[in-house]
Amino acid sequence: MQHRGSRPEPEPFAPTEDENFRSELSDAGSPILDSVARGKDAISAVTAEAVNSAGSDLTALRADLNGLKDTVTKFISQVSSEAAKSAREVTSSVADQVGGVATGYVGKGAEMTSAASEQAKTVATEFESMARRNPLGAIAGAVLIGVLIGRLGRRN
């Protein structure tokens, strides 16, 4: 059914104008249709080759990135190992130096203690010999020292 002013509806299974044109070209054996088909095939081949090339490039890139990751991991491992080794060496060196200094101070302290002990013995011996030579002077000195210590004790 067609109404006035409306376009005719195509039949549901009727060929379209494009299909009719192609059919006429193929029936005539047109070189244009052959050229178009060859162009289509060439484009398909180039596209397939580009996809394959991109796939192989992507695989190579993935392998390169994995290699780079391994290289960076090894580098970081070596750097951290060297840093730990260096820290151990520095710590050992510092400990040795501190030990040497401490040993030196202990030796000097022992020498000073020995010297002080010798001087105390010498002073004690000197006081003893002075007390034997002058017993009244030793008693007077002892009384004087006792008074001084007593006065100092009252002030505090």
N, C-alpha and C. Protein backbone atom coordinates (compact mmCIF):
# COMPACT_ATOMS: atom_id res chain seq x y z
N MET A 1 0.84 -1.17 0.00
CA MET A 1 0.00 0.00 0.00
C MET A 1 0.87 1.23 0.00
N GLN A 2 0.58 2.06 -0.89
CA GLN A 2 1.35 3.27 -0.97
C GLN A 2 0.42 4.46 -0.85
N HIS A 3 0.88 5.41 -0.15
CA HIS A 3 0.14 6.65 0.00
C HIS A 3 0.76 7.68 -0.90
N ARG A 4 -0.01 8.67 -1.19
CA ARG A 4 0.51 9.75 -2.01
C ARG A 4 1.60 10.50 -1.27
N GLY A 5 2.66 10.82 -1.93
CA GLY A 5 3.75 11.60 -1.35
C GLY A 5 4.71 10.76 -0.54
N SER A 6 4.47 9.52 -0.37
CA SER A 6 5.40 8.71 0.40
C SER A 6 6.30 7.94 -0.55
N ARG A 7 7.41 7.53 -0.05
CA ARG A 7 8.37 6.80 -0.87
C ARG A 7 7.94 5.35 -0.95
N PRO A 8 8.27 4.74 -2.03
CA PRO A 8 7.90 3.33 -2.11
C PRO A 8 8.78 2.52 -1.15
N GLU A 9 8.18 1.60 -0.44
CA GLU A 9 8.91 0.75 0.49
C GLU A 9 9.58 -0.36 -0.30
N PRO A 10 10.85 -0.63 0.04
CA PRO A 10 11.52 -1.70 -0.68
C PRO A 10 10.93 -3.05 -0.26
N GLU A 11 10.97 -3.94 -1.18
CA GLU A 11 10.48 -5.27 -0.86
C GLU A 11 11.46 -5.90 0.12
N PRO A 12 10.99 -6.73 1.04
CA PRO A 12 11.85 -7.22 2.09
C PRO A 12 13.04 -8.03 1.60
N PHE A 13 12.92 -8.77 0.52
CA PHE A 13 14.03 -9.60 0.06
C PHE A 13 14.57 -9.14 -1.27
N ALA A 14 14.26 -7.93 -1.63
CA ALA A 14 14.73 -7.41 -2.91
C ALA A 14 16.15 -6.90 -2.76
N PRO A 15 17.02 -7.04 -3.77
CA PRO A 15 18.39 -6.55 -3.68
C PRO A 15 18.40 -5.03 -3.65
N THR A 16 19.41 -4.46 -2.94
CA THR A 16 19.54 -3.02 -2.86
C THR A 16 20.23 -2.51 -4.11
N GLU A 17 20.29 -1.19 -4.25
CA GLU A 17 20.93 -0.60 -5.43
C GLU A 17 22.41 -0.93 -5.46
N ASP A 18 23.08 -0.93 -4.30
CA ASP A 18 24.50 -1.24 -4.22
C ASP A 18 24.75 -2.69 -4.66
N GLU A 19 23.89 -3.58 -4.19
CA GLU A 19 24.04 -4.98 -4.57
C GLU A 19 23.79 -5.16 -6.06
N ASN A 20 22.79 -4.42 -6.62
CA ASN A 20 22.52 -4.50 -8.05
C ASN A 20 23.73 -4.02 -8.84
N PHE A 21 24.37 -2.92 -8.42
CA PHE A 21 25.53 -2.35 -9.10
C PHE A 21 26.68 -3.35 -9.09
N ARG A 22 26.93 -3.96 -7.94
CA ARG A 22 28.00 -4.94 -7.84
C ARG A 22 27.70 -6.15 -8.73
N SER A 23 26.46 -6.54 -8.72
CA SER A 23 26.08 -7.69 -9.54
C SER A 23 26.31 -7.40 -11.02
N GLU A 24 25.97 -6.20 -11.42
CA GLU A 24 26.16 -5.84 -12.83
C GLU A 24 27.65 -5.78 -13.16
N LEU A 25 28.48 -5.24 -12.20
CA LEU A 25 29.92 -5.16 -12.45
C LEU A 25 30.54 -6.55 -12.52
N SER A 26 30.12 -7.44 -11.65
CA SER A 26 30.71 -8.77 -11.65
C SER A 26 30.27 -9.56 -12.88
N ASP A 27 29.03 -9.31 -13.32
CA ASP A 27 28.56 -10.00 -14.52
C ASP A 27 29.35 -9.52 -15.74
N ALA A 28 29.71 -8.27 -15.73
CA ALA A 28 30.42 -7.73 -16.87
C ALA A 28 31.90 -8.05 -16.81
N GLY A 29 32.40 -8.55 -15.64
CA GLY A 29 33.81 -8.86 -15.51
C GLY A 29 34.64 -7.60 -15.48
N SER A 30 34.18 -6.63 -14.78
CA SER A 30 34.78 -5.31 -14.76
C SER A 30 36.16 -5.34 -14.10
N PRO A 31 37.11 -4.65 -14.71
CA PRO A 31 38.44 -4.57 -14.10
C PRO A 31 38.42 -3.70 -12.84
N ILE A 32 37.45 -2.85 -12.70
CA ILE A 32 37.36 -2.00 -11.50
C ILE A 32 37.10 -2.87 -10.28
N LEU A 33 36.18 -3.80 -10.43
CA LEU A 33 35.86 -4.67 -9.31
C LEU A 33 37.08 -5.53 -8.93
N ASP A 34 37.83 -5.96 -9.94
CA ASP A 34 39.04 -6.73 -9.67
C ASP A 34 40.08 -5.88 -8.93
N SER A 35 40.20 -4.61 -9.35
CA SER A 35 41.14 -3.70 -8.69
C SER A 35 40.75 -3.46 -7.25
N VAL A 36 39.44 -3.28 -7.02
CA VAL A 36 38.96 -3.05 -5.66
C VAL A 36 39.22 -4.29 -4.81
N ALA A 37 38.98 -5.46 -5.36
CA ALA A 37 39.21 -6.70 -4.61
C ALA A 37 40.70 -6.86 -4.30
N ARG A 38 41.56 -6.58 -5.28
CA ARG A 38 43.00 -6.66 -5.03
C ARG A 38 43.43 -5.64 -3.97
N GLY A 39 42.87 -4.43 -4.03
CA GLY A 39 43.19 -3.40 -3.02
C GLY A 39 42.75 -3.84 -1.64
N LYS A 40 41.56 -4.44 -1.60
CA LYS A 40 41.05 -4.92 -0.32
C LYS A 40 41.96 -6.02 0.22
N ASP A 41 42.37 -6.93 -0.64
CA ASP A 41 43.26 -8.01 -0.21
C ASP A 41 44.62 -7.46 0.24
N ALA A 42 45.13 -6.47 -0.47
CA ALA A 42 46.42 -5.87 -0.11
C ALA A 42 46.32 -5.17 1.24
N ILE A 43 45.23 -4.45 1.46
CA ILE A 43 45.03 -3.76 2.75
C ILE A 43 44.91 -4.79 3.86
N SER A 44 44.20 -5.87 3.62
CA SER A 44 44.06 -6.93 4.63
C SER A 44 45.42 -7.54 4.95
N ALA A 45 46.24 -7.78 3.92
CA ALA A 45 47.55 -8.37 4.14
C ALA A 45 48.46 -7.43 4.93
N VAL A 46 48.44 -6.14 4.56
CA VAL A 46 49.26 -5.16 5.28
C VAL A 46 48.80 -5.03 6.72
N THR A 47 47.50 -5.04 6.93
CA THR A 47 46.95 -4.94 8.28
C THR A 47 47.37 -6.15 9.10
N ALA A 48 47.27 -7.35 8.54
CA ALA A 48 47.66 -8.56 9.25
C ALA A 48 49.15 -8.54 9.58
N GLU A 49 49.96 -8.08 8.62
CA GLU A 49 51.40 -7.98 8.85
C GLU A 49 51.71 -6.98 9.96
N ALA A 50 50.99 -5.84 9.97
CA ALA A 50 51.20 -4.82 11.01
C ALA A 50 50.81 -5.36 12.38
N VAL A 51 49.71 -6.11 12.43
CA VAL A 51 49.27 -6.70 13.70
C VAL A 51 50.31 -7.70 14.19
N ASN A 52 50.81 -8.55 13.28
CA ASN A 52 51.84 -9.52 13.68
C ASN A 52 53.12 -8.82 14.13
N SER A 53 53.52 -7.78 13.41
CA SER A 53 54.72 -7.03 13.77
C SER A 53 54.54 -6.35 15.12
N ALA A 54 53.37 -5.77 15.33
CA ALA A 54 53.10 -5.10 16.62
C ALA A 54 53.11 -6.13 17.74
N GLY A 55 52.58 -7.32 17.48
CA GLY A 55 52.59 -8.37 18.49
C GLY A 55 54.00 -8.80 18.84
N SER A 56 54.84 -8.98 17.81
CA SER A 56 56.23 -9.37 18.09
C SER A 56 56.99 -8.24 18.77
N ASP A 57 56.70 -6.99 18.37
CA ASP A 57 57.34 -5.85 19.03
C ASP A 57 56.92 -5.77 20.49
N LEU A 58 55.65 -6.03 20.75
CA LEU A 58 55.15 -6.00 22.12
C LEU A 58 55.81 -7.11 22.95
N THR A 59 55.98 -8.27 22.36
CA THR A 59 56.64 -9.38 23.07
C THR A 59 58.10 -9.01 23.37
N ALA A 60 58.78 -8.42 22.38
CA ALA A 60 60.17 -8.01 22.59
C ALA A 60 60.26 -6.93 23.67
N LEU A 61 59.32 -5.99 23.65
CA LEU A 61 59.30 -4.92 24.66
C LEU A 61 59.06 -5.51 26.05
N ARG A 62 58.17 -6.48 26.14
CA ARG A 62 57.88 -7.13 27.42
C ARG A 62 59.14 -7.84 27.93
N ALA A 63 59.86 -8.53 27.03
CA ALA A 63 61.09 -9.21 27.42
C ALA A 63 62.15 -8.20 27.87
N ASP A 64 62.26 -7.08 27.16
CA ASP A 64 63.22 -6.03 27.54
C ASP A 64 62.89 -5.46 28.91
N LEU A 65 61.62 -5.23 29.17
CA LEU A 65 61.22 -4.68 30.48
C LEU A 65 61.51 -5.68 31.60
N ASN A 66 61.27 -6.96 31.34
CA ASN A 66 61.60 -7.97 32.35
C ASN A 66 63.10 -8.02 32.60
N GLY A 67 63.90 -7.91 31.53
CA GLY A 67 65.35 -7.86 31.69
C GLY A 67 65.79 -6.64 32.48
N LEU A 68 65.18 -5.50 32.20
CA LEU A 68 65.51 -4.27 32.93
C LEU A 68 65.14 -4.41 34.39
N LYS A 69 64.00 -5.03 34.67
CA LYS A 69 63.58 -5.25 36.06
C LYS A 69 64.60 -6.12 36.78
N ASP A 70 65.06 -7.19 36.12
CA ASP A 70 66.06 -8.06 36.74
C ASP A 70 67.37 -7.32 36.98
N THR A 71 67.78 -6.49 36.02
CA THR A 71 69.02 -5.72 36.17
C THR A 71 68.92 -4.75 37.34
N VAL A 72 67.80 -4.04 37.44
CA VAL A 72 67.61 -3.08 38.54
C VAL A 72 67.58 -3.81 39.88
N THR A 73 66.94 -4.97 39.92
CA THR A 73 66.88 -5.75 41.16
C THR A 73 68.28 -6.18 41.59
N LYS A 74 69.09 -6.67 40.63
CA LYS A 74 70.46 -7.07 40.95
C LYS A 74 71.28 -5.87 41.42
N PHE A 75 71.11 -4.73 40.75
CA PHE A 75 71.85 -3.52 41.12
C PHE A 75 71.51 -3.10 42.54
N ILE A 76 70.23 -3.07 42.87
CA ILE A 76 69.81 -2.66 44.22
C ILE A 76 70.35 -3.64 45.25
N SER A 77 70.31 -4.92 44.93
CA SER A 77 70.84 -5.94 45.85
C SER A 77 72.33 -5.73 46.09
N GLN A 78 73.08 -5.49 45.02
CA GLN A 78 74.52 -5.28 45.16
C GLN A 78 74.82 -4.01 45.94
N VAL A 79 74.08 -2.94 45.66
CA VAL A 79 74.31 -1.68 46.37
C VAL A 79 74.01 -1.85 47.86
N SER A 80 72.90 -2.51 48.18
CA SER A 80 72.58 -2.69 49.59
C SER A 80 73.60 -3.60 50.28
N SER A 81 74.09 -4.61 49.56
CA SER A 81 75.12 -5.48 50.12
C SER A 81 76.40 -4.70 50.39
N GLU A 82 76.81 -3.88 49.44
CA GLU A 82 78.01 -3.06 49.62
C GLU A 82 77.82 -2.06 50.75
N ALA A 83 76.63 -1.47 50.86
CA ALA A 83 76.38 -0.51 51.93
C ALA A 83 76.45 -1.20 53.30
N ALA A 84 75.89 -2.40 53.39
CA ALA A 84 75.94 -3.14 54.65
C ALA A 84 77.39 -3.50 55.00
N LYS A 85 78.15 -3.93 53.99
CA LYS A 85 79.56 -4.28 54.21
C LYS A 85 80.34 -3.06 54.68
N SER A 86 80.11 -1.93 54.04
CA SER A 86 80.79 -0.69 54.41
C SER A 86 80.42 -0.28 55.83
N ALA A 87 79.14 -0.41 56.17
CA ALA A 87 78.70 -0.05 57.52
C ALA A 87 79.35 -0.95 58.55
N ARG A 88 79.46 -2.26 58.25
CA ARG A 88 80.14 -3.17 59.19
C ARG A 88 81.60 -2.79 59.37
N GLU A 89 82.26 -2.44 58.25
CA GLU A 89 83.68 -2.06 58.33
C GLU A 89 83.86 -0.80 59.15
N VAL A 90 82.99 0.19 58.92
CA VAL A 90 83.09 1.45 59.67
C VAL A 90 82.82 1.19 61.15
N THR A 91 81.80 0.39 61.44
CA THR A 91 81.47 0.08 62.83
C THR A 91 82.63 -0.63 63.50
N SER A 92 83.23 -1.59 62.80
CA SER A 92 84.37 -2.31 63.36
C SER A 92 85.54 -1.37 63.60
N SER A 93 85.79 -0.49 62.65
CA SER A 93 86.89 0.46 62.78
C SER A 93 86.67 1.39 63.97
N VAL A 94 85.44 1.90 64.08
CA VAL A 94 85.13 2.81 65.19
C VAL A 94 85.26 2.06 66.51
N ALA A 95 84.76 0.83 66.55
CA ALA A 95 84.86 0.04 67.79
C ALA A 95 86.33 -0.19 68.16
N ASP A 96 87.15 -0.50 67.15
CA ASP A 96 88.58 -0.70 67.43
C ASP A 96 89.22 0.58 67.96
N GLN A 97 88.87 1.71 67.34
CA GLN A 97 89.44 2.98 67.79
C GLN A 97 88.99 3.32 69.21
N VAL A 98 87.69 3.13 69.48
CA VAL A 98 87.18 3.41 70.82
C VAL A 98 87.84 2.48 71.83
N GLY A 99 87.99 1.21 71.45
CA GLY A 99 88.66 0.26 72.34
C GLY A 99 90.10 0.67 72.60
N GLY A 100 90.79 1.12 71.55
CA GLY A 100 92.18 1.57 71.72
C GLY A 100 92.26 2.78 72.63
N VAL A 101 91.35 3.73 72.44
CA VAL A 101 91.34 4.93 73.28
C VAL A 101 91.02 4.55 74.72
N ALA A 102 90.03 3.67 74.89
CA ALA A 102 89.66 3.26 76.25
C ALA A 102 90.83 2.53 76.92
N THR A 103 91.49 1.68 76.17
CA THR A 103 92.66 0.98 76.72
C THR A 103 93.74 1.98 77.12
N GLY A 104 93.92 2.99 76.27
CA GLY A 104 94.91 4.03 76.59
C GLY A 104 94.56 4.78 77.86
N TYR A 105 93.26 5.11 78.01
CA TYR A 105 92.84 5.81 79.23
C TYR A 105 92.96 4.91 80.46
N VAL A 106 92.64 3.64 80.29
CA VAL A 106 92.78 2.72 81.42
C VAL A 106 94.25 2.63 81.83
N GLY A 107 95.13 2.55 80.83
CA GLY A 107 96.57 2.49 81.13
C GLY A 107 97.04 3.76 81.83
N LYS A 108 96.60 4.91 81.33
CA LYS A 108 97.00 6.18 81.95
C LYS A 108 96.42 6.29 83.36
N GLY A 109 95.16 5.85 83.50
CA GLY A 109 94.53 5.88 84.83
C GLY A 109 95.28 5.00 85.81
N ALA A 110 95.70 3.82 85.36
CA ALA A 110 96.46 2.92 86.22
C ALA A 110 97.80 3.54 86.60
N GLU A 111 98.45 4.20 85.63
CA GLU A 111 99.72 4.87 85.92
C GLU A 111 99.52 5.99 86.94
N MET A 112 98.46 6.77 86.74
CA MET A 112 98.20 7.88 87.67
C MET A 112 97.87 7.35 89.06
N THR A 113 97.12 6.27 89.12
CA THR A 113 96.79 5.67 90.43
C THR A 113 98.05 5.16 91.11
N SER A 114 98.90 4.54 90.33
CA SER A 114 100.16 4.03 90.88
C SER A 114 101.03 5.18 91.38
N ALA A 115 101.09 6.27 90.59
CA ALA A 115 101.90 7.43 91.00
C ALA A 115 101.32 8.07 92.24
N ALA A 116 99.98 8.20 92.30
CA ALA A 116 99.35 8.80 93.49
C ALA A 116 99.59 7.93 94.71
N SER A 117 99.50 6.62 94.51
CA SER A 117 99.74 5.70 95.63
C SER A 117 101.18 5.82 96.13
N GLU A 118 102.12 5.93 95.22
CA GLU A 118 103.53 6.10 95.61
C GLU A 118 103.73 7.40 96.37
N GLN A 119 103.10 8.48 95.87
CA GLN A 119 103.25 9.78 96.55
C GLN A 119 102.61 9.74 97.94
N ALA A 120 101.47 9.06 98.05
CA ALA A 120 100.82 8.96 99.37
C ALA A 120 101.71 8.18 100.33
N LYS A 121 102.32 7.13 99.82
CA LYS A 121 103.24 6.35 100.67
C LYS A 121 104.43 7.21 101.07
N THR A 122 104.93 7.99 100.12
CA THR A 122 106.07 8.86 100.41
C THR A 122 105.70 9.90 101.45
N VAL A 123 104.53 10.52 101.31
CA VAL A 123 104.08 11.54 102.27
C VAL A 123 103.88 10.90 103.64
N ALA A 124 103.27 9.72 103.66
CA ALA A 124 103.05 9.03 104.95
C ALA A 124 104.38 8.69 105.61
N THR A 125 105.31 8.24 104.81
CA THR A 125 106.65 7.93 105.35
C THR A 125 107.32 9.20 105.87
N GLU A 126 107.16 10.29 105.15
CA GLU A 126 107.75 11.57 105.58
C GLU A 126 107.13 12.04 106.89
N PHE A 127 105.80 11.94 107.01
CA PHE A 127 105.14 12.33 108.26
C PHE A 127 105.59 11.44 109.41
N GLU A 128 105.73 10.20 109.14
CA GLU A 128 106.17 9.25 110.18
C GLU A 128 107.57 9.59 110.66
N SER A 129 108.47 9.86 109.70
CA SER A 129 109.84 10.20 110.11
C SER A 129 109.88 11.55 110.83
N MET A 130 109.05 12.51 110.45
CA MET A 130 108.99 13.80 111.12
C MET A 130 108.45 13.63 112.55
N ALA A 131 107.44 12.76 112.69
CA ALA A 131 106.85 12.53 114.03
C ALA A 131 107.87 11.86 114.93
N ARG A 132 108.74 11.02 114.41
CA ARG A 132 109.76 10.35 115.23
C ARG A 132 110.85 11.35 115.64
N ARG A 133 111.16 12.29 114.76
CA ARG A 133 112.19 13.27 115.09
C ARG A 133 111.66 14.33 116.06
N ASN A 134 110.39 14.74 115.92
CA ASN A 134 109.83 15.80 116.75
C ASN A 134 108.42 15.38 117.18
N PRO A 135 108.30 14.63 118.26
CA PRO A 135 106.99 14.13 118.68
C PRO A 135 106.05 15.24 119.16
N LEU A 136 106.56 16.28 119.85
CA LEU A 136 105.68 17.37 120.31
C LEU A 136 105.15 18.16 119.12
N GLY A 137 105.94 18.37 118.15
CA GLY A 137 105.49 19.08 116.94
C GLY A 137 104.41 18.30 116.21
N ALA A 138 104.51 16.98 116.17
CA ALA A 138 103.52 16.13 115.51
C ALA A 138 102.21 16.20 116.25
N ILE A 139 102.28 16.20 117.60
CA ILE A 139 101.04 16.30 118.39
C ILE A 139 100.41 17.67 118.18
N ALA A 140 101.20 18.73 118.19
CA ALA A 140 100.66 20.08 117.98
C ALA A 140 100.04 20.19 116.59
N GLY A 141 100.69 19.61 115.59
CA GLY A 141 100.13 19.63 114.22
C GLY A 141 98.82 18.89 114.15
N ALA A 142 98.72 17.75 114.85
CA ALA A 142 97.50 16.95 114.84
C ALA A 142 96.36 17.72 115.50
N VAL A 143 96.66 18.43 116.61
CA VAL A 143 95.65 19.23 117.30
C VAL A 143 95.19 20.36 116.40
N LEU A 144 96.13 21.01 115.74
CA LEU A 144 95.79 22.11 114.84
C LEU A 144 94.88 21.64 113.69
N ILE A 145 95.22 20.51 113.11
CA ILE A 145 94.40 19.96 112.02
C ILE A 145 93.01 19.60 112.53
N GLY A 146 92.91 19.05 113.72
CA GLY A 146 91.61 18.70 114.31
C GLY A 146 90.75 19.93 114.53
N VAL A 147 91.35 21.03 115.01
CA VAL A 147 90.61 22.28 115.23
C VAL A 147 90.10 22.82 113.89
N LEU A 148 90.96 22.82 112.88
CA LEU A 148 90.53 23.30 111.56
C LEU A 148 89.37 22.48 111.01
N ILE A 149 89.44 21.18 111.13
CA ILE A 149 88.36 20.32 110.63
C ILE A 149 87.09 20.58 111.41
N GLY A 150 87.19 20.80 112.73
CA GLY A 150 86.02 21.10 113.54
C GLY A 150 85.37 22.42 113.13
N ARG A 151 86.17 23.44 112.88
CA ARG A 151 85.62 24.73 112.46
C ARG A 151 84.93 24.61 111.09
N LEU A 152 85.56 23.92 110.20
CA LEU A 152 84.95 23.74 108.88
C LEU A 152 83.62 22.97 108.99
N GLY A 153 83.57 22.03 109.92
CA GLY A 153 82.34 21.23 110.12
C GLY A 153 81.21 22.09 110.66
N ARG A 154 81.50 23.12 111.48
CA ARG A 154 80.46 23.99 112.02
C ARG A 154 79.87 24.92 110.96
N ARG A 155 80.67 25.36 110.05
CA ARG A 155 80.19 26.28 109.02
C ARG A 155 79.18 25.61 108.09
N ASN A 156 79.37 24.39 107.81
CA ASN A 156 78.46 23.69 106.88
C ASN A 156 77.36 23.12 107.68
